[in-house]
C-alpha atoms as a PDB file:
ATOM      1  CA  MET A   1    -172.868 118.927 -25.620  1.00  0.00           C
ATOM      2  CA  ASP A   2    -173.945 115.669 -24.046  1.00  0.00           C
ATOM      3  CA  VAL A   3    -170.703 113.297 -24.331  1.00  0.00           C
ATOM      4  CA  ARG A   4    -170.378 110.170 -22.940  1.00  0.00           C
ATOM      5  CA  PHE A   5    -167.213 107.923 -22.705  1.00  0.00           C
ATOM      6  CA  ALA A   6    -166.716 104.084 -22.941  1.00  0.00           C
ATOM      7  CA  ALA A   7    -162.908 103.205 -22.654  1.00  0.00           C
ATOM      8  CA  LYS A   8    -160.557 100.147 -22.749  1.00  0.00           C
ATOM      9  CA  SER A   9    -156.991  99.554 -22.737  1.00  0.00           C
ATOM     10  CA  ILE A  10    -154.998  95.920 -22.670  1.00  0.00           C
ATOM     11  CA  GLN A  11    -151.184  95.295 -22.492  1.00  0.00           C
ATOM     12  CA  GLY A  12    -152.518  92.429 -25.595  1.00  0.00           C
ATOM     13  CA  ARG A  13    -149.789  90.147 -26.497  1.00  0.00           C
ATOM     14  CA  ARG A  14    -147.259  92.830 -25.746  1.00  0.00           C
ATOM     15  CA  ASP A  15    -144.818  92.115 -22.261  1.00  0.00           C
ATOM     16  CA  TYR A  16    -146.179  95.182 -21.041  1.00  0.00           C
ATOM     17  CA  ASN A  17    -148.867  98.746 -22.067  1.00  0.00           C
ATOM     18  CA  GLU A  18    -146.942 101.882 -23.053  1.00  0.00           C
ATOM     19  CA  ASP A  19    -150.743 103.004 -24.189  1.00  0.00           C
ATOM     20  CA  ARG A  20    -152.660 105.949 -22.588  1.00  0.00           C
ATOM     21  CA  VAL A  21    -156.214 107.415 -22.344  1.00  0.00           C
ATOM     22  CA  LEU A  22    -158.013 110.085 -22.106  1.00  0.00           C
ATOM     23  CA  PHE A  23    -161.702 111.384 -21.145  1.00  0.00           C
ATOM     24  CA  ARG A  24    -163.950 113.856 -20.088  1.00  0.00           C
ATOM     25  CA  SER A  25    -166.647 116.511 -20.152  1.00  0.00           C
ATOM     26  CA  GLU A  26    -167.499 119.430 -18.462  1.00  0.00           C
ATOM     27  CA  ASN A  27    -168.987 122.456 -18.796  1.00  0.00           C
ATOM     28  CA  ASP A  28    -170.601 121.473 -21.980  1.00  0.00           C
ATOM     29  CA  CYS A  29    -166.666 120.876 -23.193  1.00  0.00           C
ATOM     30  CA  PHE A  30    -165.699 117.162 -23.928  1.00  0.00           C
ATOM     31  CA  VAL A  31    -162.022 115.845 -24.364  1.00  0.00           C
ATOM     32  CA  ALA A  32    -160.636 111.887 -25.673  1.00  0.00           C
ATOM     33  CA  ALA A  33    -157.265 111.337 -26.389  1.00  0.00           C
ATOM     34  CA  VAL A  34    -155.534 108.005 -26.932  1.00  0.00           C
ATOM     35  CA  ALA A  35    -151.617 108.425 -26.800  1.00  0.00           C
ATOM     36  CA  ASP A  36    -149.448 105.462 -27.966  1.00  0.00           C
ATOM     37  CA  GLY A  37    -145.820 105.314 -26.825  1.00  0.00           C
ATOM     38  CA  MET A  38    -142.534 104.038 -28.541  1.00  0.00           C
ATOM     39  CA  GLY A  39    -138.919 103.957 -26.986  1.00  0.00           C
ATOM     40  CA  GLY A  40    -139.871 100.205 -24.872  1.00  0.00           C
ATOM     41  CA  TYR A  41    -140.641 100.156 -21.208  1.00  0.00           C
ATOM     42  CA  SER A  42    -138.272 103.101 -19.778  1.00  0.00           C
ATOM     43  CA  GLY A  43    -139.784 105.318 -22.553  1.00  0.00           C
ATOM     44  CA  GLY A  44    -142.767 104.832 -24.105  1.00  0.00           C
ATOM     45  CA  GLU A  45    -145.158 104.964 -20.895  1.00  0.00           C
ATOM     46  CA  VAL A  46    -143.525 107.632 -20.134  1.00  0.00           C
ATOM     47  CA  ALA A  47    -143.891 109.777 -22.876  1.00  0.00           C
ATOM     48  CA  SER A  48    -147.320 108.773 -23.662  1.00  0.00           C
ATOM     49  CA  GLN A  49    -148.045 109.405 -19.911  1.00  0.00           C
ATOM     50  CA  ILE A  50    -146.621 113.705 -20.721  1.00  0.00           C
ATOM     51  CA  VAL A  51    -148.926 113.627 -23.009  1.00  0.00           C
ATOM     52  CA  ILE A  52    -152.133 112.922 -21.519  1.00  0.00           C
ATOM     53  CA  ASP A  53    -151.225 114.352 -18.476  1.00  0.00           C
ATOM     54  CA  ILE A  54    -150.777 118.026 -20.516  1.00  0.00           C
ATOM     55  CA  CYS A  55    -154.221 116.908 -22.516  1.00  0.00           C
ATOM     56  CA  GLY A  56    -156.307 117.073 -19.429  1.00  0.00           C
ATOM     57  CA  SER A  57    -154.775 120.231 -17.800  1.00  0.00           C
ATOM     58  CA  ALA A  58    -155.311 121.695 -21.177  1.00  0.00           C
ATOM     59  CA  PHE A  59    -158.834 120.639 -21.216  1.00  0.00           C
ATOM     60  CA  ASP A  60    -158.699 121.591 -17.374  1.00  0.00           C
ATOM     61  CA  ARG A  61    -158.227 125.639 -18.556  1.00  0.00           C
ATOM     62  CA  PHE A  62    -160.282 125.667 -21.803  1.00  0.00           C
ATOM     63  CA  ALA A  63    -163.077 124.366 -20.192  1.00  0.00           C
ATOM     64  CA  SER A  64    -163.034 126.924 -17.654  1.00  0.00           C
ATOM     65  CA  ALA A  65    -163.825 129.557 -20.467  1.00  0.00           C
ATOM     66  CA  PRO A  66    -165.175 127.306 -23.279  1.00  0.00           C
ATOM     67  CA  ASN A  67    -164.776 129.041 -26.524  1.00  0.00           C
ATOM     68  CA  PRO A  68    -164.585 127.409 -29.813  1.00  0.00           C
ATOM     69  CA  ASP A  69    -162.461 129.468 -31.867  1.00  0.00           C
ATOM     70  CA  LYS A  70    -159.754 128.857 -29.186  1.00  0.00           C
ATOM     71  CA  ILE A  71    -160.548 124.244 -29.702  1.00  0.00           C
ATOM     72  CA  GLN A  72    -157.588 124.273 -32.657  1.00  0.00           C
ATOM     73  CA  GLN A  73    -154.984 126.238 -30.699  1.00  0.00           C
ATOM     74  CA  MET A  74    -155.023 124.073 -27.393  1.00  0.00           C
ATOM     75  CA  ILE A  75    -154.945 121.316 -29.275  1.00  0.00           C
ATOM     76  CA  LEU A  76    -151.455 123.117 -31.275  1.00  0.00           C
ATOM     77  CA  ASP A  77    -150.456 124.614 -27.896  1.00  0.00           C
ATOM     78  CA  ILE A  78    -150.847 120.382 -26.108  1.00  0.00           C
ATOM     79  CA  VAL A  79    -147.830 119.439 -29.296  1.00  0.00           C
ATOM     80  CA  VAL A  80    -145.585 122.216 -27.934  1.00  0.00           C
ATOM     81  CA  GLU A  81    -145.701 121.762 -24.264  1.00  0.00           C
ATOM     82  CA  SER A  82    -145.275 117.904 -24.528  1.00  0.00           C
ATOM     83  CA  ARG A  83    -142.274 118.247 -26.909  1.00  0.00           C
ATOM     84  CA  GLU A  84    -140.730 120.213 -24.419  1.00  0.00           C
ATOM     85  CA  MET A  85    -141.643 118.275 -21.697  1.00  0.00           C
ATOM     86  CA  ILE A  86    -139.914 114.889 -23.234  1.00  0.00           C
ATOM     87  CA  ARG A  87    -137.099 116.422 -24.566  1.00  0.00           C
ATOM     88  CA  LYS A  88    -136.668 118.236 -20.914  1.00  0.00           C
ATOM     89  CA  LYS A  89    -137.365 114.555 -19.302  1.00  0.00           C
ATOM     90  CA  MET A  90    -134.623 112.942 -22.220  1.00  0.00           C
ATOM     91  CA  GLU A  91    -132.020 115.596 -20.982  1.00  0.00           C
ATOM     92  CA  GLU A  92    -132.549 114.088 -17.346  1.00  0.00           C
ATOM     93  CA  LYS A  93    -132.174 110.436 -17.976  1.00  0.00           C
ATOM     94  CA  ALA A  94    -130.030 108.881 -21.229  1.00  0.00           C
ATOM     95  CA  GLU A  95    -131.744 105.742 -21.067  1.00  0.00           C
ATOM     96  CA  LEU A  96    -135.235 108.062 -22.010  1.00  0.00           C
ATOM     97  CA  GLY A  97    -133.655 108.535 -25.262  1.00  0.00           C
ATOM     98  CA  GLY A  98    -135.152 108.561 -28.078  1.00  0.00           C
ATOM     99  CA  MET A  99    -138.633 107.867 -26.847  1.00  0.00           C
ATOM    100  CA  GLY A 100    -141.853 109.431 -28.212  1.00  0.00           C
ATOM    101  CA  THR A 101    -145.405 108.641 -28.720  1.00  0.00           C
ATOM    102  CA  THR A 102    -148.532 109.312 -30.777  1.00  0.00           C
ATOM    103  CA  LEU A 103    -151.686 110.942 -30.189  1.00  0.00           C
ATOM    104  CA  THR A 104    -154.300 110.923 -31.553  1.00  0.00           C
ATOM    105  CA  ILE A 105    -157.043 113.518 -29.772  1.00  0.00           C
ATOM    106  CA  ALA A 106    -161.004 114.718 -30.611  1.00  0.00           C
ATOM    107  CA  THR A 107    -161.701 117.925 -28.023  1.00  0.00           C
ATOM    108  CA  GLY A 108    -165.080 120.299 -28.459  1.00  0.00           C
ATOM    109  CA  CYS A 109    -166.939 122.754 -26.687  1.00  0.00           C
ATOM    110  CA  PHE A 110    -171.216 123.559 -27.920  1.00  0.00           C
ATOM    111  CA  GLY A 111    -171.203 120.906 -30.485  1.00  0.00           C
ATOM    112  CA  GLU A 112    -168.396 121.513 -32.253  1.00  0.00           C
ATOM    113  CA  TYR A 113    -164.399 119.683 -32.157  1.00  0.00           C
ATOM    114  CA  VAL A 114    -161.557 119.502 -33.624  1.00  0.00           C
ATOM    115  CA  VAL A 115    -159.350 116.721 -34.501  1.00  0.00           C
ATOM    116  CA  GLY A 116    -155.605 116.442 -34.017  1.00  0.00           C
ATOM    117  CA  ASN A 117    -153.446 113.549 -34.897  1.00  0.00           C
ATOM    118  CA  ILE A 118    -149.387 112.784 -34.939  1.00  0.00           C
ATOM    119  CA  GLY A 119    -148.429 109.236 -35.773  1.00  0.00           C
ATOM    120  CA  ASP A 120    -150.596 106.368 -36.487  1.00  0.00           C
ATOM    121  CA  SER A 121    -153.347 105.882 -33.705  1.00  0.00           C
ATOM    122  CA  ARG A 122    -156.918 106.790 -35.464  1.00  0.00           C
ATOM    123  CA  THR A 123    -159.821 109.154 -35.051  1.00  0.00           C
ATOM    124  CA  TYR A 124    -162.971 107.755 -36.668  1.00  0.00           C
ATOM    125  CA  LEU A 125    -166.537 109.281 -36.694  1.00  0.00           C
ATOM    126  CA  VAL A 126    -169.444 106.473 -36.896  1.00  0.00           C
ATOM    127  CA  SER A 127    -173.179 107.681 -37.573  1.00  0.00           C
ATOM    128  CA  GLU A 128    -176.327 105.589 -38.103  1.00  0.00           C
ATOM    129  CA  THR A 129    -174.828 103.632 -41.259  1.00  0.00           C
ATOM    130  CA  SER A 130    -171.458 104.809 -41.688  1.00  0.00           C
ATOM    131  CA  ILE A 131    -167.664 105.032 -40.536  1.00  0.00           C
ATOM    132  CA  ASP A 132    -165.613 107.374 -41.852  1.00  0.00           C
ATOM    133  CA  GLN A 133    -161.549 107.518 -40.890  1.00  0.00           C
ATOM    134  CA  LEU A 134    -161.042 111.363 -39.728  1.00  0.00           C
ATOM    135  CA  THR A 135    -157.102 111.150 -39.264  1.00  0.00           C
ATOM    136  CA  LYS A 136    -154.522 109.954 -41.647  1.00  0.00           C
ATOM    137  CA  ASP A 137    -151.477 107.781 -40.584  1.00  0.00           C
ATOM    138  CA  ASN A 138    -147.960 109.713 -40.279  1.00  0.00           C
ATOM    139  CA  SER A 139    -146.355 106.280 -41.261  1.00  0.00           C
ATOM    140  CA  VAL A 140    -143.789 104.886 -44.096  1.00  0.00           C
ATOM    141  CA  VAL A 141    -147.073 102.388 -45.369  1.00  0.00           C
ATOM    142  CA  GLN A 142    -149.166 105.519 -45.723  1.00  0.00           C
ATOM    143  CA  GLU A 143    -146.849 107.631 -47.989  1.00  0.00           C
ATOM    144  CA  TYR A 144    -146.177 104.775 -50.048  1.00  0.00           C
ATOM    145  CA  LYS A 145    -150.337 104.473 -50.069  1.00  0.00           C
ATOM    146  CA  ASP A 146    -150.332 107.693 -51.605  1.00  0.00           C
ATOM    147  CA  ARG A 147    -147.515 107.982 -53.891  1.00  0.00           C
ATOM    148  CA  LEU A 148    -147.460 104.611 -55.564  1.00  0.00           C
ATOM    149  CA  PRO A 149    -149.836 101.675 -56.619  1.00  0.00           C
ATOM    150  CA  THR A 150    -149.699  98.445 -54.414  1.00  0.00           C
ATOM    151  CA  GLY A 151    -148.972  95.427 -56.383  1.00  0.00           C
ATOM    152  CA  GLY A 152    -145.690  93.957 -57.871  1.00  0.00           C
ATOM    153  CA  GLY A 153    -144.900  92.666 -54.039  1.00  0.00           C
ATOM    154  CA  ALA A 154    -145.328  96.091 -52.816  1.00  0.00           C
ATOM    155  CA  GLU A 155    -147.519  94.510 -50.152  1.00  0.00           C
ATOM    156  CA  SER A 156    -144.933  92.553 -48.590  1.00  0.00           C
ATOM    157  CA  VAL A 157    -142.739  95.210 -48.026  1.00  0.00           C
ATOM    158  CA  LEU A 158    -145.254  97.336 -46.324  1.00  0.00           C
ATOM    159  CA  GLY A 159    -146.246  94.600 -44.046  1.00  0.00           C
ATOM    160  CA  SER A 160    -142.297  94.509 -43.062  1.00  0.00           C
ATOM    161  CA  MET A 161    -142.657  98.624 -42.056  1.00  0.00           C
ATOM    162  CA  SER A 162    -145.915  98.306 -40.586  1.00  0.00           C
ATOM    163  CA  SER A 163    -144.687  99.746 -37.746  1.00  0.00           C
ATOM    164  CA  ALA A 164    -142.371 102.846 -38.982  1.00  0.00           C
ATOM    165  CA  LEU A 165    -143.482 106.356 -38.164  1.00  0.00           C
ATOM    166  CA  THR A 166    -142.914 109.485 -40.510  1.00  0.00           C
ATOM    167  CA  ARG A 167    -143.978 111.592 -37.375  1.00  0.00           C
ATOM    168  CA  SER A 168    -144.626 111.110 -33.529  1.00  0.00           C
ATOM    169  CA  LEU A 169    -144.133 113.575 -30.617  1.00  0.00           C
ATOM    170  CA  SER A 170    -140.749 113.014 -29.315  1.00  0.00           C
ATOM    171  CA  GLY A 171    -138.160 115.756 -29.370  1.00  0.00           C
ATOM    172  CA  ALA A 172    -138.575 115.941 -32.915  1.00  0.00           C
ATOM    173  CA  GLU A 173    -140.150 119.547 -34.417  1.00  0.00           C
ATOM    174  CA  HIS A 174    -143.403 117.334 -35.834  1.00  0.00           C
ATOM    175  CA  LYS A 175    -146.229 119.089 -36.306  1.00  0.00           C
ATOM    176  CA  VAL A 176    -149.746 117.824 -35.663  1.00  0.00           C
ATOM    177  CA  ASP A 177    -152.140 117.615 -38.199  1.00  0.00           C
ATOM    178  CA  ILE A 178    -155.727 119.351 -37.731  1.00  0.00           C
ATOM    179  CA  TYR A 179    -159.076 118.272 -38.814  1.00  0.00           C
ATOM    180  CA  PRO A 180    -160.861 119.846 -40.577  1.00  0.00           C
ATOM    181  CA  GLY A 181    -158.571 122.425 -40.773  1.00  0.00           C
ATOM    182  CA  GLY A 182    -158.177 125.872 -42.476  1.00  0.00           C
ATOM    183  CA  ASN A 183    -159.906 127.189 -38.655  1.00  0.00           C
ATOM    184  CA  ARG A 184    -163.023 125.034 -39.198  1.00  0.00           C
ATOM    185  CA  ARG A 185    -164.208 122.725 -37.033  1.00  0.00           C
ATOM    186  CA  PHE A 186    -166.979 119.584 -37.544  1.00  0.00           C
ATOM    187  CA  THR A 187    -170.310 119.352 -35.883  1.00  0.00           C
ATOM    188  CA  LEU A 188    -171.243 116.886 -33.091  1.00  0.00           C
ATOM    189  CA  ARG A 189    -174.782 115.351 -34.110  1.00  0.00           C
ATOM    190  CA  GLU A 190    -177.497 113.422 -31.868  1.00  0.00           C
ATOM    191  CA  GLY A 191    -176.235 109.988 -31.886  1.00  0.00           C
ATOM    192  CA  ASP A 192    -172.539 110.292 -33.225  1.00  0.00           C
ATOM    193  CA  ILE A 193    -169.662 108.005 -31.921  1.00  0.00           C
ATOM    194  CA  LEU A 194    -166.023 109.204 -32.282  1.00  0.00           C
ATOM    195  CA  LEU A 195    -164.037 105.903 -31.786  1.00  0.00           C
ATOM    196  CA  LEU A 196    -160.307 107.289 -30.883  1.00  0.00           C
ATOM    197  CA  CYS A 197    -157.852 103.686 -30.936  1.00  0.00           C
ATOM    198  CA  SER A 198    -154.346 103.316 -31.108  1.00  0.00           C
ATOM    199  CA  ASP A 199    -153.058 101.379 -34.105  1.00  0.00           C
ATOM    200  CA  GLY A 200    -153.096  97.486 -32.115  1.00  0.00           C
ATOM    201  CA  LEU A 201    -156.812  98.079 -32.907  1.00  0.00           C
ATOM    202  CA  VAL A 202    -156.643  97.922 -36.605  1.00  0.00           C
ATOM    203  CA  ILE A 203    -155.859  94.871 -38.642  1.00  0.00           C
ATOM    204  CA  ASP A 204    -155.382  95.727 -42.133  1.00  0.00           C
ATOM    205  CA  LYS A 205    -154.741  92.190 -43.257  1.00  0.00           C
ATOM    206  CA  ILE A 206    -158.710  91.223 -42.225  1.00  0.00           C
ATOM    207  CA  GLY A 207    -160.211  92.985 -45.165  1.00  0.00           C
ATOM    208  CA  ASP A 208    -162.680  96.003 -44.169  1.00  0.00           C
ATOM    209  CA  VAL A 209    -161.926  96.856 -41.226  1.00  0.00           C
ATOM    210  CA  SER A 210    -164.209 100.506 -41.169  1.00  0.00           C
ATOM    211  CA  ALA A 211    -166.872  97.514 -42.625  1.00  0.00           C
ATOM    212  CA  GLN A 212    -166.147  95.641 -38.811  1.00  0.00           C
ATOM    213  CA  LEU A 213    -165.277  98.400 -36.744  1.00  0.00           C
ATOM    214  CA  LEU A 214    -169.228 100.075 -37.786  1.00  0.00           C
ATOM    215  CA  LYS A 215    -170.730  96.985 -37.127  1.00  0.00           C
ATOM    216  CA  LEU A 216    -169.093  96.018 -33.795  1.00  0.00           C
ATOM    217  CA  THR A 217    -169.641  99.669 -32.632  1.00  0.00           C
ATOM    218  CA  LYS A 218    -173.215 100.109 -33.745  1.00  0.00           C
ATOM    219  CA  GLY A 219    -174.292  96.460 -32.936  1.00  0.00           C
ATOM    220  CA  ALA A 220    -173.490  96.409 -29.064  1.00  0.00           C
ATOM    221  CA  GLU A 221    -175.884  96.652 -26.506  1.00  0.00           C
ATOM    222  CA  SER A 222    -173.957  98.937 -24.465  1.00  0.00           C
ATOM    223  CA  PRO A 223    -171.098 101.995 -24.989  1.00  0.00           C
ATOM    224  CA  ALA A 224    -169.084  99.362 -22.428  1.00  0.00           C
ATOM    225  CA  LYS A 225    -170.115  95.780 -24.500  1.00  0.00           C
ATOM    226  CA  ALA A 226    -168.850  98.266 -27.968  1.00  0.00           C
ATOM    227  CA  ALA A 227    -165.651  99.271 -26.580  1.00  0.00           C
ATOM    228  CA  ASN A 228    -164.926  95.459 -25.300  1.00  0.00           C
ATOM    229  CA  ALA A 229    -166.257  94.097 -28.503  1.00  0.00           C
ATOM    230  CA  LEU A 230    -163.399  96.196 -30.264  1.00  0.00           C
ATOM    231  CA  ILE A 231    -160.464  94.716 -28.524  1.00  0.00           C
ATOM    232  CA  ASP A 232    -161.727  91.154 -28.273  1.00  0.00           C
ATOM    233  CA  TRP A 233    -162.043  91.460 -32.001  1.00  0.00           C
ATOM    234  CA  ALA A 234    -158.631  92.876 -32.639  1.00  0.00           C
ATOM    235  CA  TYR A 235    -156.805  90.581 -30.120  1.00  0.00           C
ATOM    236  CA  VAL A 236    -158.877  87.509 -31.367  1.00  0.00           C
ATOM    237  CA  ASN A 237    -157.779  88.038 -34.713  1.00  0.00           C
ATOM    238  CA  GLY A 238    -154.570  88.660 -34.222  1.00  0.00           C
ATOM    239  CA  SER A 239    -152.795  92.245 -32.638  1.00  0.00           C
ATOM    240  CA  SER A 240    -149.554  91.701 -31.488  1.00  0.00           C
ATOM    241  CA  ASP A 241    -149.501  95.323 -30.086  1.00  0.00           C
ATOM    242  CA  ASN A 242    -151.405  97.007 -26.911  1.00  0.00           C
ATOM    243  CA  ILE A 243    -154.853  97.862 -27.884  1.00  0.00           C
ATOM    244  CA  SER A 244    -156.478 100.798 -26.369  1.00  0.00           C
ATOM    245  CA  VAL A 245    -160.282 102.334 -27.694  1.00  0.00           C
ATOM    246  CA  VAL A 246    -162.051 105.808 -26.518  1.00  0.00           C
ATOM    247  CA  LEU A 247    -165.720 106.140 -27.275  1.00  0.00           C
ATOM    248  CA  ALA A 248    -167.353 109.240 -27.170  1.00  0.00           C
ATOM    249  CA  PHE A 249    -171.025 109.066 -27.912  1.00  0.00           C
ATOM    250  CA  SER A 250    -173.157 112.482 -28.106  1.00  0.00           C
ATOM    251  CA  GLY A 251    -176.929 111.450 -27.047  1.00  0.00           C
ATOM    252  CA  GLU A 252    -178.619 108.154 -26.941  1.00  0.00           C
ATOM    253  CA  TRP A 253    -177.253 105.059 -27.583  1.00  0.00           C
ATOM    254  CA  ALA A 254    -180.196 102.964 -28.371  1.00  0.00           C
ATOM    255  CA  THR A 255    -180.498 102.378 -32.022  1.00  0.00           C
ATOM    256  CA  THR A 256    -184.191 102.927 -33.722  1.00  0.00           C
ATOM    257  CA  LYS A 257    -184.946  99.260 -33.123  1.00  0.00           C
ATOM    258  CA  LYS A 258    -184.269  99.353 -29.539  1.00  0.00           C
ATOM    259  CA  ARG A 259    -186.210 102.820 -29.233  1.00  0.00           C
ATOM    260  CA  ARG A 260    -189.496 100.675 -30.734  1.00  0.00           C
ATOM    261  CA  MET A 261    -189.213  97.645 -28.136  1.00  0.00           C
ATOM    262  CA  VAL A 262    -188.575 100.036 -25.202  1.00  0.00           C
ATOM    263  CA  ASP A 263    -192.323 102.250 -27.357  1.00  0.00           C
ATOM    264  CA  VAL A 264    -193.871  98.963 -27.238  1.00  0.00           C
ATOM    265  CA  PHE A 265    -192.979  97.613 -23.599  1.00  0.00           C
ATOM    266  CA  ARG A 266    -194.225 100.919 -22.094  1.00  0.00           C
ATOM    267  CA  ARG A 267    -197.579 100.661 -23.852  1.00  0.00           C
ATOM    268  CA  LEU A 268    -197.758  97.557 -23.282  1.00  0.00           C
ATOM    269  CA  ARG A 269    -197.548  98.496 -19.368  1.00  0.00           C
ATOM    270  CA  LYS A 270    -200.384 100.655 -19.679  1.00  0.00           C
ATOM    271  CA  GLY A 271    -202.706  98.683 -21.475  1.00  0.00           C
ATOM    272  CA  GLY A 272    -202.454  99.841 -24.716  1.00  0.00           C
END
């Protein structure tokens, strides 16, 4: 599985950055993760760093003896270990009480992968012509939308609660959502791009966020430029949070149009 990465995380309009990211590939395996810490400077960045460190250690163990059947269990183990470490840190330091973090993680081997999510960071699958949100937010807004229709003043209520989570990775016994679930796995195809981000990237008030993400990701000349374009777009359009993006892409980045241009150039050089 040839998986490459581009990533960027900025402080944005916040006084400090509580986001942490991870990306790595080894032995035909890969991992990408974004954690968005909560609890202020003294807690949020501690919680997000804890979970990212544990994700990295768990991946190292998994990649040393990869087994697709164990991908889901690795994510479940990460959540348990992270929760225990966060609890321990909160007990050691009173000022860390109440800290927590989101986690969205995509990890796999041999062309298959599983996504885990807790909180409101997100993982998207970007294909040649479409973008699909693989995860579902654990938030008051999302649960409200699931249960009740919008309208009649609902939008203003939702706007005021946009950052309220129903689940996070903290000392509480909150479960992680696994996608696709049921011990099944996604297939990573040539040209697929996984986009992981903190909620600072998602500016729902703009309108069709998915269309913008697809356009900016597929239209960029390189993975690094795609990450920059996504973050610039979110910041310019009013994001008030830290903004973090990890792009994990399989195979060649070039679009069909760019491949054709390369082919033409080669033919010209050969005089054909």
